[in-house]
Each structure stands twice: as C-alpha cells, then as structure tokens.
Amino acid sequence: ITGSPGIKDDLINAGGLYEDASVVVDRNHVSSRKPDDLPDFCRELIRLMIG
C-alpha cells in the first residue's frame, strides 16, 4: 500500500506493507500518495476495469 508520507507510520503500524511509489496495486485495491500521482492512479484503475 502507499499513501501520503504523513501517514506512512500509521499504515505500517496497522500492518500494511508501505511502498513509496506513485501507485500501488494490491489485487483490486489501488492506492497513491498525492494528487500529483493521479495520472498513474487513473491509468492503473482503468487497466483493472478493462481487465
């Protein structure tokens, strides 16, 4: 999973495997870090929907 750097510790403490990447796909879950990552996020979301 990825997310805003401000919640990195929270994600790790909750048991997540944090990755500092513009987008992370874990099965059907797509996550990103910040608004600048939106193009990558949308690209992966569309890829998953198309199959």
PDB file of N, CA and C in Angstrom:
ATOM      1  N   ILE A   1       0.856  -1.173   0.000  1.00  0.00           N
ATOM      2  CA  ILE A   1       0.000   0.000   0.000  1.00  0.00           C
ATOM      3  C   ILE A   1       0.897   1.229   0.000  1.00  0.00           C
ATOM      4  N   THR A   2       0.388   2.299  -0.518  1.00  0.00           N
ATOM      5  CA  THR A   2       1.085   3.569  -0.428  1.00  0.00           C
ATOM      6  C   THR A   2       0.097   4.612   0.063  1.00  0.00           C
ATOM      7  N   GLY A   3       0.601   5.727   0.459  1.00  0.00           N
ATOM      8  CA  GLY A   3      -0.239   6.806   0.957  1.00  0.00           C
ATOM      9  C   GLY A   3       0.622   8.024   1.216  1.00  0.00           C
ATOM     10  N   SER A   4       0.003   9.053   1.675  1.00  0.00           N
ATOM     11  CA  SER A   4       0.711  10.281   1.993  1.00  0.00           C
ATOM     12  C   SER A   4       1.839   9.985   2.979  1.00  0.00           C
ATOM     13  N   PRO A   5       3.012  10.580   2.773  1.00  0.00           N
ATOM     14  CA  PRO A   5       4.118  10.329   3.701  1.00  0.00           C
ATOM     15  C   PRO A   5       3.749  10.609   5.164  1.00  0.00           C
ATOM     16  N   GLY A   6       2.798  11.489   5.388  1.00  0.00           N
ATOM     17  CA  GLY A   6       2.382  11.817   6.746  1.00  0.00           C
ATOM     18  C   GLY A   6       1.688  10.675   7.471  1.00  0.00           C
ATOM     19  N   ILE A   7       1.196   9.686   6.727  1.00  0.00           N
ATOM     20  CA  ILE A   7       0.525   8.550   7.373  1.00  0.00           C
ATOM     21  C   ILE A   7       1.300   7.246   7.193  1.00  0.00           C
ATOM     22  N   LYS A   8       2.532   7.355   6.716  1.00  0.00           N
ATOM     23  CA  LYS A   8       3.364   6.166   6.497  1.00  0.00           C
ATOM     24  C   LYS A   8       3.452   5.309   7.759  1.00  0.00           C
ATOM     25  N   ASP A   9       3.795   5.921   8.884  1.00  0.00           N
ATOM     26  CA  ASP A   9       3.936   5.163  10.133  1.00  0.00           C
ATOM     27  C   ASP A   9       2.620   4.508  10.538  1.00  0.00           C
ATOM     28  N   ASP A  10       1.514   5.211  10.334  1.00  0.00           N
ATOM     29  CA  ASP A  10       0.203   4.645  10.670  1.00  0.00           C
ATOM     30  C   ASP A  10      -0.097   3.416   9.821  1.00  0.00           C
ATOM     31  N   LEU A  11       0.223   3.498   8.535  1.00  0.00           N
ATOM     32  CA  LEU A  11      -0.013   2.357   7.647  1.00  0.00           C
ATOM     33  C   LEU A  11       0.826   1.154   8.069  1.00  0.00           C
ATOM     34  N   ILE A  12       2.077   1.408   8.389  1.00  0.00           N
ATOM     35  CA  ILE A  12       2.969   0.325   8.823  1.00  0.00           C
ATOM     36  C   ILE A  12       2.500  -0.253  10.154  1.00  0.00           C
ATOM     37  N   ASN A  13       2.143   0.621  11.095  1.00  0.00           N
ATOM     38  CA  ASN A  13       1.684   0.154  12.407  1.00  0.00           C
ATOM     39  C   ASN A  13       0.382  -0.633  12.322  1.00  0.00           C
ATOM     40  N   ALA A  14      -0.394  -0.374  11.276  1.00  0.00           N
ATOM     41  CA  ALA A  14      -1.648  -1.106  11.080  1.00  0.00           C
ATOM     42  C   ALA A  14      -1.416  -2.429  10.349  1.00  0.00           C
ATOM     43  N   GLY A  15      -0.161  -2.711  10.014  1.00  0.00           N
ATOM     44  CA  GLY A  15       0.152  -3.980   9.367  1.00  0.00           C
ATOM     45  C   GLY A  15       0.333  -3.898   7.868  1.00  0.00           C
ATOM     46  N   GLY A  16       0.280  -2.695   7.318  1.00  0.00           N
ATOM     47  CA  GLY A  16       0.453  -2.538   5.880  1.00  0.00           C
ATOM     48  C   GLY A  16       1.910  -2.626   5.472  1.00  0.00           C
ATOM     49  N   LEU A  17       2.132  -3.038   4.250  1.00  0.00           N
ATOM     50  CA  LEU A  17       3.472  -3.053   3.672  1.00  0.00           C
ATOM     51  C   LEU A  17       3.595  -1.792   2.825  1.00  0.00           C
ATOM     52  N   TYR A  18       4.173  -0.758   3.404  1.00  0.00           N
ATOM     53  CA  TYR A  18       4.245   0.551   2.760  1.00  0.00           C
ATOM     54  C   TYR A  18       5.269   0.546   1.639  1.00  0.00           C
ATOM     55  N   GLU A  19       4.900   1.146   0.517  1.00  0.00           N
ATOM     56  CA  GLU A  19       5.800   1.288  -0.623  1.00  0.00           C
ATOM     57  C   GLU A  19       5.742   2.735  -1.091  1.00  0.00           C
ATOM     58  N   ASP A  20       6.884   3.368  -1.222  1.00  0.00           N
ATOM     59  CA  ASP A  20       6.944   4.759  -1.673  1.00  0.00           C
ATOM     60  C   ASP A  20       6.937   4.776  -3.199  1.00  0.00           C
ATOM     61  N   ALA A  21       5.738   4.680  -3.769  1.00  0.00           N
ATOM     62  CA  ALA A  21       5.578   4.640  -5.223  1.00  0.00           C
ATOM     63  C   ALA A  21       4.372   5.485  -5.607  1.00  0.00           C
ATOM     64  N   SER A  22       4.346   5.922  -6.856  1.00  0.00           N
ATOM     65  CA  SER A  22       3.238   6.777  -7.289  1.00  0.00           C
ATOM     66  C   SER A  22       1.907   6.043  -7.270  1.00  0.00           C
ATOM     67  N   VAL A  23       1.944   4.736  -7.472  1.00  0.00           N
ATOM     68  CA  VAL A  23       0.725   3.930  -7.401  1.00  0.00           C
ATOM     69  C   VAL A  23       1.106   2.504  -7.006  1.00  0.00           C
ATOM     70  N   VAL A  24       0.268   1.904  -6.180  1.00  0.00           N
ATOM     71  CA  VAL A  24       0.464   0.511  -5.776  1.00  0.00           C
ATOM     72  C   VAL A  24      -0.857  -0.215  -5.982  1.00  0.00           C
ATOM     73  N   VAL A  25      -0.784  -1.360  -6.642  1.00  0.00           N
ATOM     74  CA  VAL A  25      -1.974  -2.179  -6.881  1.00  0.00           C
ATOM     75  C   VAL A  25      -1.826  -3.468  -6.083  1.00  0.00           C
ATOM     76  N   ASP A  26      -2.819  -3.756  -5.270  1.00  0.00           N
ATOM     77  CA  ASP A  26      -2.862  -4.995  -4.491  1.00  0.00           C
ATOM     78  C   ASP A  26      -4.224  -5.627  -4.737  1.00  0.00           C
ATOM     79  N   ARG A  27      -4.244  -6.566  -5.649  1.00  0.00           N
ATOM     80  CA  ARG A  27      -5.487  -7.178  -6.121  1.00  0.00           C
ATOM     81  C   ARG A  27      -6.400  -6.096  -6.683  1.00  0.00           C
ATOM     82  N   ASN A  28      -7.519  -5.822  -6.012  1.00  0.00           N
ATOM     83  CA  ASN A  28      -8.456  -4.807  -6.506  1.00  0.00           C
ATOM     84  C   ASN A  28      -8.307  -3.465  -5.808  1.00  0.00           C
ATOM     85  N   HIS A  29      -7.296  -3.320  -4.980  1.00  0.00           N
ATOM     86  CA  HIS A  29      -7.081  -2.067  -4.246  1.00  0.00           C
ATOM     87  C   HIS A  29      -5.978  -1.272  -4.933  1.00  0.00           C
ATOM     88  N   VAL A  30      -6.298  -0.038  -5.295  1.00  0.00           N
ATOM     89  CA  VAL A  30      -5.329   0.853  -5.934  1.00  0.00           C
ATOM     90  C   VAL A  30      -5.126   2.041  -5.008  1.00  0.00           C
ATOM     91  N   SER A  31      -3.874   2.329  -4.668  1.00  0.00           N
ATOM     92  CA  SER A  31      -3.602   3.465  -3.786  1.00  0.00           C
ATOM     93  C   SER A  31      -2.491   4.323  -4.378  1.00  0.00           C
ATOM     94  N   SER A  32      -2.507   5.592  -3.993  1.00  0.00           N
ATOM     95  CA  SER A  32      -1.462   6.515  -4.426  1.00  0.00           C
ATOM     96  C   SER A  32      -1.134   7.459  -3.283  1.00  0.00           C
ATOM     97  N   ARG A  33      -0.085   8.267  -3.467  1.00  0.00           N
ATOM     98  CA  ARG A  33       0.424   9.098  -2.381  1.00  0.00           C
ATOM     99  C   ARG A  33      -0.155  10.498  -2.337  1.00  0.00           C
ATOM    100  N   LYS A  34      -0.326  11.106  -3.498  1.00  0.00           N
ATOM    101  CA  LYS A  34      -0.670  12.532  -3.531  1.00  0.00           C
ATOM    102  C   LYS A  34      -1.337  12.885  -4.860  1.00  0.00           C
ATOM    103  N   PRO A  35      -1.909  14.070  -4.955  1.00  0.00           N
ATOM    104  CA  PRO A  35      -2.590  14.462  -6.193  1.00  0.00           C
ATOM    105  C   PRO A  35      -1.706  14.397  -7.440  1.00  0.00           C
ATOM    106  N   ASP A  36      -0.420  14.645  -7.296  1.00  0.00           N
ATOM    107  CA  ASP A  36       0.474  14.571  -8.460  1.00  0.00           C
ATOM    108  C   ASP A  36       0.551  13.160  -9.043  1.00  0.00           C
ATOM    109  N   ASP A  37       0.171  12.161  -8.260  1.00  0.00           N
ATOM    110  CA  ASP A  37       0.202  10.769  -8.714  1.00  0.00           C
ATOM    111  C   ASP A  37      -1.073  10.367  -9.456  1.00  0.00           C
ATOM    112  N   LEU A  38      -1.998  11.293  -9.591  1.00  0.00           N
ATOM    113  CA  LEU A  38      -3.299  10.976 -10.182  1.00  0.00           C
ATOM    114  C   LEU A  38      -3.219  10.351 -11.577  1.00  0.00           C
ATOM    115  N   PRO A  39      -2.349  10.810 -12.484  1.00  0.00           N
ATOM    116  CA  PRO A  39      -2.285  10.152 -13.797  1.00  0.00           C
ATOM    117  C   PRO A  39      -1.939   8.661 -13.700  1.00  0.00           C
ATOM    118  N   ASP A  40      -0.970   8.319 -12.869  1.00  0.00           N
ATOM    119  CA  ASP A  40      -0.609   6.908 -12.695  1.00  0.00           C
ATOM    120  C   ASP A  40      -1.749   6.134 -12.038  1.00  0.00           C
ATOM    121  N   PHE A  41      -2.378   6.753 -11.052  1.00  0.00           N
ATOM    122  CA  PHE A  41      -3.502   6.122 -10.359  1.00  0.00           C
ATOM    123  C   PHE A  41      -4.633   5.815 -11.345  1.00  0.00           C
ATOM    124  N   CYS A  42      -4.991   6.797 -12.153  1.00  0.00           N
ATOM    125  CA  CYS A  42      -6.081   6.609 -13.121  1.00  0.00           C
ATOM    126  C   CYS A  42      -5.729   5.551 -14.158  1.00  0.00           C
ATOM    127  N   ARG A  43      -4.490   5.554 -14.615  1.00  0.00           N
ATOM    128  CA  ARG A  43      -4.054   4.566 -15.600  1.00  0.00           C
ATOM    129  C   ARG A  43      -4.221   3.143 -15.054  1.00  0.00           C
ATOM    130  N   GLU A  44      -3.818   2.922 -13.814  1.00  0.00           N
ATOM    131  CA  GLU A  44      -3.946   1.588 -13.217  1.00  0.00           C
ATOM    132  C   GLU A  44      -5.399   1.228 -12.953  1.00  0.00           C
ATOM    133  N   LEU A  45      -6.183   2.199 -12.536  1.00  0.00           N
ATOM    134  CA  LEU A  45      -7.602   1.958 -12.289  1.00  0.00           C
ATOM    135  C   LEU A  45      -8.306   1.535 -13.584  1.00  0.00           C
ATOM    136  N   ILE A  46      -8.010   2.237 -14.662  1.00  0.00           N
ATOM    137  CA  ILE A  46      -8.598   1.891 -15.962  1.00  0.00           C
ATOM    138  C   ILE A  46      -8.124   0.513 -16.408  1.00  0.00           C
ATOM    139  N   ARG A  47      -6.839   0.237 -16.214  1.00  0.00           N
ATOM    140  CA  ARG A  47      -6.299  -1.073 -16.596  1.00  0.00           C
ATOM    141  C   ARG A  47      -7.033  -2.195 -15.858  1.00  0.00           C
ATOM    142  N   LEU A  48      -7.305  -1.995 -14.582  1.00  0.00           N
ATOM    143  CA  LEU A  48      -8.022  -3.011 -13.809  1.00  0.00           C
ATOM    144  C   LEU A  48      -9.471  -3.164 -14.270  1.00  0.00           C
ATOM    145  N   MET A  49     -10.104  -2.056 -14.615  1.00  0.00           N
ATOM    146  CA  MET A  49     -11.504  -2.130 -15.047  1.00  0.00           C
ATOM    147  C   MET A  49     -11.640  -2.796 -16.410  1.00  0.00           C
ATOM    148  N   ILE A  50     -10.683  -2.561 -17.281  1.00  0.00           N
ATOM    149  CA  ILE A  50     -10.727  -3.166 -18.619  1.00  0.00           C
ATOM    150  C   ILE A  50     -10.410  -4.655 -18.535  1.00  0.00           C
ATOM    151  N   GLY A  51      -9.514  -4.979 -17.619  1.00  0.00           N
ATOM    152  CA  GLY A  51      -9.172  -6.384 -17.412  1.00  0.00           C
ATOM    153  C   GLY A  51      -8.008  -6.770 -18.201  1.00  0.00           C
TER     154      GLY A  51
END
